[in-house]
């Protein structure tokens, strides 16, 4: 594997893991009934997942999205501060 000058193998693994986590969270949110999964933006940095949306969600939807995200392997923490609950 060829790495950029300042990139370590550990950083590449974290990026890959973060990408996998983001993809898995998005897929799980999209398949959950009652959750506007396509409207929720998912970002992952070193295992910490941030959920946000421009569309308002209910408190129950927010809690469900957080619960789904926490179940994903590799997720260290979840921030849902970007989800505007009604």
N, C-alpha and C. Protein backbone atom coordinates (compact mmCIF):
# COMPACT_ATOMS: atom_id res chain seq x y z
N UNK A 1 0.84 -1.17 0.00
CA UNK A 1 0.00 0.00 0.00
C UNK A 1 0.89 1.24 0.00
N UNK A 2 0.60 2.17 -0.87
CA UNK A 2 1.35 3.42 -0.93
C UNK A 2 0.58 4.45 -0.11
N UNK A 3 1.28 5.08 0.82
CA UNK A 3 0.66 6.07 1.69
C UNK A 3 1.21 7.45 1.39
N UNK A 4 0.42 8.46 1.62
CA UNK A 4 0.90 9.84 1.50
C UNK A 4 2.02 10.04 2.51
N UNK A 5 2.86 11.01 2.26
CA UNK A 5 4.06 11.23 3.08
C UNK A 5 3.77 11.28 4.58
N UNK A 6 2.69 11.90 4.99
CA UNK A 6 2.40 12.07 6.41
C UNK A 6 1.29 11.15 6.91
N UNK A 7 0.95 10.14 6.15
CA UNK A 7 -0.13 9.24 6.52
C UNK A 7 0.44 7.94 7.08
N UNK A 8 -0.07 7.54 8.24
CA UNK A 8 0.37 6.28 8.83
C UNK A 8 -0.63 5.18 8.52
N UNK A 9 -0.21 3.95 8.68
CA UNK A 9 -1.10 2.82 8.46
C UNK A 9 -2.30 2.90 9.40
N UNK A 10 -2.07 3.33 10.65
CA UNK A 10 -3.16 3.47 11.62
C UNK A 10 -4.20 4.48 11.14
N UNK A 11 -3.74 5.60 10.56
CA UNK A 11 -4.67 6.61 10.06
C UNK A 11 -5.50 6.06 8.91
N UNK A 12 -4.88 5.27 8.06
CA UNK A 12 -5.61 4.65 6.94
C UNK A 12 -6.66 3.70 7.48
N UNK A 13 -6.33 2.90 8.51
CA UNK A 13 -7.30 1.98 9.11
C UNK A 13 -8.45 2.75 9.73
N UNK A 14 -8.15 3.87 10.43
CA UNK A 14 -9.21 4.68 11.04
C UNK A 14 -10.12 5.26 9.97
N UNK A 15 -9.53 5.75 8.86
CA UNK A 15 -10.34 6.30 7.78
C UNK A 15 -11.25 5.23 7.19
N UNK A 16 -10.71 4.04 7.00
CA UNK A 16 -11.50 2.94 6.46
C UNK A 16 -12.60 2.56 7.44
N UNK A 17 -12.28 2.47 8.71
CA UNK A 17 -13.28 2.14 9.72
C UNK A 17 -14.35 3.21 9.79
N UNK A 18 -13.95 4.48 9.75
CA UNK A 18 -14.91 5.58 9.78
C UNK A 18 -15.84 5.52 8.57
N UNK A 19 -15.27 5.23 7.41
CA UNK A 19 -16.08 5.11 6.20
C UNK A 19 -17.08 3.96 6.33
N UNK A 20 -16.61 2.83 6.85
CA UNK A 20 -17.49 1.68 7.03
C UNK A 20 -18.61 2.01 8.02
N UNK A 21 -18.26 2.64 9.13
CA UNK A 21 -19.25 3.00 10.15
C UNK A 21 -20.29 3.93 9.54
N UNK A 22 -19.85 4.97 8.83
CA UNK A 22 -20.77 5.93 8.21
C UNK A 22 -21.73 5.22 7.26
N UNK A 23 -21.20 4.35 6.42
CA UNK A 23 -22.02 3.61 5.46
C UNK A 23 -23.03 2.72 6.17
N UNK A 24 -22.60 2.02 7.20
CA UNK A 24 -23.48 1.12 7.95
C UNK A 24 -24.58 1.90 8.67
N UNK A 25 -24.22 3.02 9.30
CA UNK A 25 -25.23 3.84 9.99
C UNK A 25 -26.26 4.35 8.99
N UNK A 26 -25.80 4.89 7.85
CA UNK A 26 -26.74 5.39 6.83
C UNK A 26 -27.68 4.29 6.36
N UNK A 27 -27.13 3.11 6.09
CA UNK A 27 -27.96 2.00 5.63
C UNK A 27 -29.00 1.61 6.67
N UNK A 28 -28.58 1.53 7.92
CA UNK A 28 -29.52 1.14 8.98
C UNK A 28 -30.59 2.20 9.21
N UNK A 29 -30.22 3.47 9.10
CA UNK A 29 -31.21 4.54 9.27
C UNK A 29 -32.21 4.54 8.11
N UNK A 30 -31.72 4.25 6.90
CA UNK A 30 -32.60 4.23 5.73
C UNK A 30 -33.63 3.11 5.81
N UNK A 31 -33.26 1.99 6.42
CA UNK A 31 -34.17 0.85 6.46
C UNK A 31 -35.09 0.84 7.68
N UNK A 32 -34.87 1.76 8.60
CA UNK A 32 -35.71 1.84 9.80
C UNK A 32 -36.99 2.60 9.50
N UNK A 33 -38.13 1.96 9.72
CA UNK A 33 -39.42 2.63 9.49
C UNK A 33 -39.61 3.76 10.49
N UNK A 34 -40.15 4.86 10.01
CA UNK A 34 -40.45 5.98 10.90
C UNK A 34 -39.29 6.94 11.11
N UNK A 35 -38.16 6.67 10.47
CA UNK A 35 -36.99 7.54 10.59
C UNK A 35 -36.73 8.16 9.22
N UNK A 36 -36.58 9.49 9.14
CA UNK A 36 -36.27 10.11 7.84
C UNK A 36 -34.79 9.92 7.50
N UNK A 37 -34.39 8.65 7.30
CA UNK A 37 -32.99 8.30 7.10
C UNK A 37 -32.31 9.04 5.97
N UNK A 38 -33.05 9.31 4.89
CA UNK A 38 -32.43 10.00 3.76
C UNK A 38 -32.16 11.47 4.06
N UNK A 39 -32.78 12.00 5.11
CA UNK A 39 -32.58 13.40 5.49
C UNK A 39 -31.53 13.57 6.58
N UNK A 40 -31.02 12.48 7.12
CA UNK A 40 -30.05 12.56 8.21
C UNK A 40 -28.63 12.43 7.66
N UNK A 41 -27.82 13.42 7.95
CA UNK A 41 -26.41 13.42 7.54
C UNK A 41 -25.61 12.70 8.62
N UNK A 42 -24.71 11.82 8.18
CA UNK A 42 -23.89 11.03 9.10
C UNK A 42 -22.42 11.33 8.82
N UNK A 43 -21.69 11.71 9.85
CA UNK A 43 -20.25 11.93 9.74
C UNK A 43 -19.58 11.16 10.87
N UNK A 44 -18.45 10.53 10.56
CA UNK A 44 -17.72 9.76 11.56
C UNK A 44 -16.27 10.20 11.59
N UNK A 45 -15.76 10.44 12.79
CA UNK A 45 -14.37 10.82 12.98
C UNK A 45 -13.81 10.04 14.16
N UNK A 46 -12.91 9.11 13.86
CA UNK A 46 -12.27 8.27 14.87
C UNK A 46 -13.29 7.53 15.73
N UNK A 47 -14.35 7.04 15.09
CA UNK A 47 -15.37 6.26 15.78
C UNK A 47 -16.48 7.06 16.42
N UNK A 48 -16.37 8.38 16.40
CA UNK A 48 -17.40 9.24 16.97
C UNK A 48 -18.32 9.68 15.83
N UNK A 49 -19.60 9.32 15.94
CA UNK A 49 -20.57 9.59 14.88
C UNK A 49 -21.39 10.83 15.23
N UNK A 50 -21.49 11.73 14.26
CA UNK A 50 -22.32 12.93 14.41
C UNK A 50 -23.51 12.82 13.46
N UNK A 51 -24.70 13.00 14.01
CA UNK A 51 -25.93 12.97 13.23
C UNK A 51 -26.48 14.38 13.14
N UNK A 52 -26.90 14.77 11.93
CA UNK A 52 -27.48 16.10 11.77
C UNK A 52 -28.52 16.05 10.65
N UNK A 53 -29.39 17.07 10.64
CA UNK A 53 -30.43 17.14 9.62
C UNK A 53 -30.98 18.55 9.55
N UNK A 54 -31.33 18.96 8.35
CA UNK A 54 -31.99 20.25 8.17
C UNK A 54 -33.50 20.09 8.40
N UNK A 55 -33.97 18.85 8.36
CA UNK A 55 -35.38 18.54 8.57
C UNK A 55 -35.59 18.23 10.05
N UNK A 56 -36.63 18.80 10.64
CA UNK A 56 -36.91 18.53 12.05
C UNK A 56 -37.38 17.09 12.22
N UNK A 57 -36.97 16.49 13.33
CA UNK A 57 -37.39 15.14 13.68
C UNK A 57 -38.07 15.20 15.04
N UNK A 58 -38.82 14.16 15.36
CA UNK A 58 -39.43 14.11 16.68
C UNK A 58 -38.37 13.64 17.68
N UNK A 59 -38.63 13.84 18.94
CA UNK A 59 -37.70 13.37 19.98
C UNK A 59 -37.55 11.86 19.91
N UNK A 60 -38.66 11.15 19.62
CA UNK A 60 -38.62 9.69 19.50
C UNK A 60 -37.75 9.27 18.32
N UNK A 61 -37.86 9.97 17.18
CA UNK A 61 -37.03 9.65 16.02
C UNK A 61 -35.56 9.90 16.33
N UNK A 62 -35.28 10.98 17.02
CA UNK A 62 -33.91 11.30 17.41
C UNK A 62 -33.34 10.20 18.30
N UNK A 63 -34.11 9.80 19.30
CA UNK A 63 -33.67 8.74 20.22
C UNK A 63 -33.46 7.41 19.50
N UNK A 64 -34.35 7.11 18.55
CA UNK A 64 -34.21 5.87 17.78
C UNK A 64 -32.96 5.91 16.91
N UNK A 65 -32.70 7.04 16.27
CA UNK A 65 -31.51 7.19 15.42
C UNK A 65 -30.24 7.01 16.25
N UNK A 66 -30.22 7.57 17.44
CA UNK A 66 -29.05 7.44 18.33
C UNK A 66 -28.89 5.98 18.75
N UNK A 67 -30.00 5.33 19.12
CA UNK A 67 -29.94 3.93 19.55
C UNK A 67 -29.44 3.02 18.43
N UNK A 68 -29.92 3.24 17.22
CA UNK A 68 -29.47 2.45 16.06
C UNK A 68 -27.97 2.65 15.85
N UNK A 69 -27.54 3.89 15.93
CA UNK A 69 -26.13 4.22 15.69
C UNK A 69 -25.23 3.59 16.75
N UNK A 70 -25.65 3.62 18.00
CA UNK A 70 -24.83 3.06 19.09
C UNK A 70 -24.63 1.56 18.96
N UNK A 71 -25.52 0.87 18.25
CA UNK A 71 -25.42 -0.59 18.09
C UNK A 71 -24.38 -1.00 17.05
N UNK A 72 -23.92 -0.06 16.24
CA UNK A 72 -22.99 -0.37 15.16
C UNK A 72 -21.60 -0.64 15.74
N UNK A 73 -21.00 -1.72 15.29
CA UNK A 73 -19.65 -2.09 15.73
C UNK A 73 -18.67 -0.97 15.38
N UNK A 74 -17.84 -0.59 16.35
CA UNK A 74 -16.82 0.43 16.12
C UNK A 74 -17.23 1.83 16.53
N UNK A 75 -18.52 2.04 16.82
CA UNK A 75 -18.98 3.36 17.25
C UNK A 75 -18.57 3.57 18.70
N UNK A 76 -17.81 4.64 18.94
CA UNK A 76 -17.35 4.95 20.29
C UNK A 76 -18.29 5.90 21.01
N UNK A 77 -18.90 6.82 20.25
CA UNK A 77 -19.81 7.80 20.84
C UNK A 77 -20.70 8.34 19.73
N UNK A 78 -21.84 8.92 20.12
CA UNK A 78 -22.78 9.49 19.15
C UNK A 78 -23.16 10.89 19.60
N UNK A 79 -23.08 11.83 18.67
CA UNK A 79 -23.55 13.19 18.92
C UNK A 79 -24.75 13.44 18.03
N UNK A 80 -25.87 13.78 18.65
CA UNK A 80 -27.08 14.07 17.89
C UNK A 80 -27.46 15.54 18.04
N UNK A 81 -26.49 16.36 18.42
CA UNK A 81 -26.75 17.79 18.62
C UNK A 81 -27.26 18.45 17.34
N UNK A 82 -26.91 17.88 16.18
CA UNK A 82 -27.34 18.44 14.90
C UNK A 82 -28.72 18.00 14.46
N UNK A 83 -29.37 17.15 15.25
CA UNK A 83 -30.75 16.74 14.94
C UNK A 83 -31.70 17.66 15.68
N UNK A 84 -32.47 18.42 14.93
CA UNK A 84 -33.40 19.37 15.54
C UNK A 84 -34.71 18.65 15.86
N UNK A 85 -34.94 18.42 17.13
CA UNK A 85 -36.16 17.71 17.55
C UNK A 85 -37.29 18.70 17.78
N UNK A 86 -38.50 18.26 17.43
CA UNK A 86 -39.70 19.08 17.64
C UNK A 86 -40.16 18.97 19.07
